[in-house]
Amino acid sequence: MKRIKRRYLAVQVEYADVLNQREFLDAVWAAVTRLYGEYGASQTGLALIDFNEEKKTAIIRVSLATLQQVRASLTSITRIKGKETAVHVTAISGTIKSLHDKK
């Protein structure tokens, strides 16, 4: 069995109100599903590793094969709970440790 290669994305969310991790994760899944369908979303291996509500930053794990699809999906997020939102990928890494070093 072949090992799945993963990448970790550091993400900055620009949102005017308080945002919790459930709302953010729902918005990410909705964006991926909207662009690539349920089958495409299931291939991403998407997982929320860390979410800081105060700084509005997140660390997301995805499979290497679908990295560009997830990045495109993140940029398509323009609204969460009816309020304008922007999501920026600030860093990408193969390990969480080196991702923290890049931030």
C-alpha atoms as a PDB file:
ATOM      1  CA  MET A   1       0.000   0.000   0.000  1.00  0.00           C
ATOM      2  CA  LYS A   2       1.341   3.407  -0.974  1.00  0.00           C
ATOM      3  CA  ARG A   3       1.633   6.130   1.645  1.00  0.00           C
ATOM      4  CA  ILE A   4      -0.448   9.258   1.039  1.00  0.00           C
ATOM      5  CA  LYS A   5       1.664  12.416   0.849  1.00  0.00           C
ATOM      6  CA  ARG A   6       0.157  15.370   2.659  1.00  0.00           C
ATOM      7  CA  ARG A   7       0.682  19.093   2.798  1.00  0.00           C
ATOM      8  CA  TYR A   8      -0.223  21.584   5.510  1.00  0.00           C
ATOM      9  CA  LEU A   9      -1.601  25.025   4.677  1.00  0.00           C
ATOM     10  CA  ALA A  10      -1.408  28.026   6.987  1.00  0.00           C
ATOM     11  CA  VAL A  11      -4.477  30.152   6.344  1.00  0.00           C
ATOM     12  CA  GLN A  12      -5.410  33.697   7.395  1.00  0.00           C
ATOM     13  CA  VAL A  13      -9.132  34.551   7.464  1.00  0.00           C
ATOM     14  CA  GLU A  14     -10.315  38.141   7.107  1.00  0.00           C
ATOM     15  CA  TYR A  15     -13.707  38.272   8.778  1.00  0.00           C
ATOM     16  CA  ALA A  16     -15.284  41.227  10.583  1.00  0.00           C
ATOM     17  CA  ASP A  17     -17.125  39.245  13.281  1.00  0.00           C
ATOM     18  CA  VAL A  18     -16.284  36.360  15.623  1.00  0.00           C
ATOM     19  CA  LEU A  19     -15.688  33.133  13.713  1.00  0.00           C
ATOM     20  CA  ASN A  20     -15.521  29.679  15.274  1.00  0.00           C
ATOM     21  CA  GLN A  21     -13.837  26.633  13.802  1.00  0.00           C
ATOM     22  CA  ARG A  22     -17.086  24.827  12.913  1.00  0.00           C
ATOM     23  CA  GLU A  23     -18.300  27.745  10.778  1.00  0.00           C
ATOM     24  CA  PHE A  24     -14.932  28.014   9.049  1.00  0.00           C
ATOM     25  CA  LEU A  25     -14.687  24.285   8.344  1.00  0.00           C
ATOM     26  CA  ASP A  26     -18.255  24.205   7.007  1.00  0.00           C
ATOM     27  CA  ALA A  27     -17.408  27.072   4.642  1.00  0.00           C
ATOM     28  CA  VAL A  28     -14.274  25.273   3.397  1.00  0.00           C
ATOM     29  CA  TRP A  29     -16.133  22.009   2.781  1.00  0.00           C
ATOM     30  CA  ALA A  30     -18.946  23.874   1.028  1.00  0.00           C
ATOM     31  CA  ALA A  31     -16.458  25.627  -1.262  1.00  0.00           C
ATOM     32  CA  VAL A  32     -14.660  22.395  -2.176  1.00  0.00           C
ATOM     33  CA  THR A  33     -17.939  20.585  -2.781  1.00  0.00           C
ATOM     34  CA  ARG A  34     -19.315  23.472  -4.864  1.00  0.00           C
ATOM     35  CA  LEU A  35     -16.281  23.480  -7.170  1.00  0.00           C
ATOM     36  CA  TYR A  36     -15.423  19.769  -7.401  1.00  0.00           C
ATOM     37  CA  GLY A  37     -18.502  17.869  -6.233  1.00  0.00           C
ATOM     38  CA  GLU A  38     -18.719  15.288  -3.493  1.00  0.00           C
ATOM     39  CA  TYR A  39     -16.309  12.890  -5.186  1.00  0.00           C
ATOM     40  CA  GLY A  40     -13.664  15.603  -5.608  1.00  0.00           C
ATOM     41  CA  ALA A  41     -14.136  16.717  -2.001  1.00  0.00           C
ATOM     42  CA  SER A  42     -13.693  13.153  -0.761  1.00  0.00           C
ATOM     43  CA  GLN A  43     -10.328  12.913  -2.555  1.00  0.00           C
ATOM     44  CA  THR A  44      -8.854  15.945  -0.761  1.00  0.00           C
ATOM     45  CA  GLY A  45      -8.284  14.307   2.633  1.00  0.00           C
ATOM     46  CA  LEU A  46      -9.167  17.691   4.106  1.00  0.00           C
ATOM     47  CA  ALA A  47      -8.778  18.071   7.872  1.00  0.00           C
ATOM     48  CA  LEU A  48      -8.641  21.072  10.169  1.00  0.00           C
ATOM     49  CA  ILE A  49      -5.579  20.678  12.386  1.00  0.00           C
ATOM     50  CA  ASP A  50      -5.633  23.962  14.304  1.00  0.00           C
ATOM     51  CA  PHE A  51      -7.840  27.054  14.460  1.00  0.00           C
ATOM     52  CA  ASN A  52      -7.099  30.214  16.423  1.00  0.00           C
ATOM     53  CA  GLU A  53     -10.282  32.245  16.924  1.00  0.00           C
ATOM     54  CA  GLU A  54      -8.448  35.341  18.190  1.00  0.00           C
ATOM     55  CA  LYS A  55      -5.918  35.608  15.355  1.00  0.00           C
ATOM     56  CA  LYS A  56      -8.317  34.055  12.806  1.00  0.00           C
ATOM     57  CA  THR A  57      -5.671  31.657  11.544  1.00  0.00           C
ATOM     58  CA  ALA A  58      -5.971  27.985  10.699  1.00  0.00           C
ATOM     59  CA  ILE A  59      -3.850  25.021   9.710  1.00  0.00           C
ATOM     60  CA  ILE A  60      -5.432  22.675   7.184  1.00  0.00           C
ATOM     61  CA  ARG A  61      -4.133  19.251   6.091  1.00  0.00           C
ATOM     62  CA  VAL A  62      -4.741  18.127   2.491  1.00  0.00           C
ATOM     63  CA  SER A  63      -3.390  15.450   0.191  1.00  0.00           C
ATOM     64  CA  LEU A  64      -0.568  16.561  -2.104  1.00  0.00           C
ATOM     65  CA  ALA A  65      -2.467  15.441  -5.217  1.00  0.00           C
ATOM     66  CA  THR A  66      -5.345  17.837  -4.492  1.00  0.00           C
ATOM     67  CA  LEU A  67      -3.375  20.773  -3.086  1.00  0.00           C
ATOM     68  CA  GLN A  68      -4.134  23.115  -5.995  1.00  0.00           C
ATOM     69  CA  GLN A  69      -7.837  22.214  -5.923  1.00  0.00           C
ATOM     70  CA  VAL A  70      -8.094  23.087  -2.243  1.00  0.00           C
ATOM     71  CA  ARG A  71      -6.214  26.369  -2.765  1.00  0.00           C
ATOM     72  CA  ALA A  72      -8.639  27.300  -5.540  1.00  0.00           C
ATOM     73  CA  SER A  73     -11.570  26.415  -3.291  1.00  0.00           C
ATOM     74  CA  LEU A  74     -10.234  28.563  -0.457  1.00  0.00           C
ATOM     75  CA  THR A  75      -9.993  31.590  -2.725  1.00  0.00           C
ATOM     76  CA  SER A  76     -13.601  31.079  -3.790  1.00  0.00           C
ATOM     77  CA  ILE A  77     -14.850  31.671  -0.229  1.00  0.00           C
ATOM     78  CA  THR A  78     -16.279  35.186  -0.232  1.00  0.00           C
ATOM     79  CA  ARG A  79     -19.012  34.958   2.416  1.00  0.00           C
ATOM     80  CA  ILE A  80     -19.458  33.163   5.727  1.00  0.00           C
ATOM     81  CA  LYS A  81     -22.806  33.567   7.492  1.00  0.00           C
ATOM     82  CA  GLY A  82     -23.737  36.335   5.045  1.00  0.00           C
ATOM     83  CA  LYS A  83     -20.719  38.511   5.873  1.00  0.00           C
ATOM     84  CA  GLU A  84     -17.877  39.299   3.505  1.00  0.00           C
ATOM     85  CA  THR A  85     -14.845  37.102   3.978  1.00  0.00           C
ATOM     86  CA  ALA A  86     -11.425  36.634   2.415  1.00  0.00           C
ATOM     87  CA  VAL A  87      -9.227  33.578   2.943  1.00  0.00           C
ATOM     88  CA  HIS A  88      -5.484  33.796   2.242  1.00  0.00           C
ATOM     89  CA  VAL A  89      -2.966  30.941   2.168  1.00  0.00           C
ATOM     90  CA  THR A  90       0.109  32.306   3.939  1.00  0.00           C
ATOM     91  CA  ALA A  91       2.363  29.226   3.847  1.00  0.00           C
ATOM     92  CA  ILE A  92       2.494  25.615   2.648  1.00  0.00           C
ATOM     93  CA  SER A  93       4.683  22.893   4.106  1.00  0.00           C
ATOM     94  CA  GLY A  94       5.134  19.142   4.319  1.00  0.00           C
ATOM     95  CA  THR A  95       5.263  19.158   8.132  1.00  0.00           C
ATOM     96  CA  ILE A  96       3.512  21.115  10.846  1.00  0.00           C
ATOM     97  CA  LYS A  97       6.829  21.942  12.514  1.00  0.00           C
ATOM     98  CA  SER A  98       8.299  23.627   9.448  1.00  0.00           C
ATOM     99  CA  LEU A  99       4.973  25.363   8.829  1.00  0.00           C
ATOM    100  CA  HIS A 100       5.227  27.030  12.238  1.00  0.00           C
ATOM    101  CA  ASP A 101       8.787  28.079  11.354  1.00  0.00           C
ATOM    102  CA  LYS A 102       7.566  29.721   8.123  1.00  0.00           C
ATOM    103  CA  LYS A 103       4.801  31.678   9.848  1.00  0.00           C
END
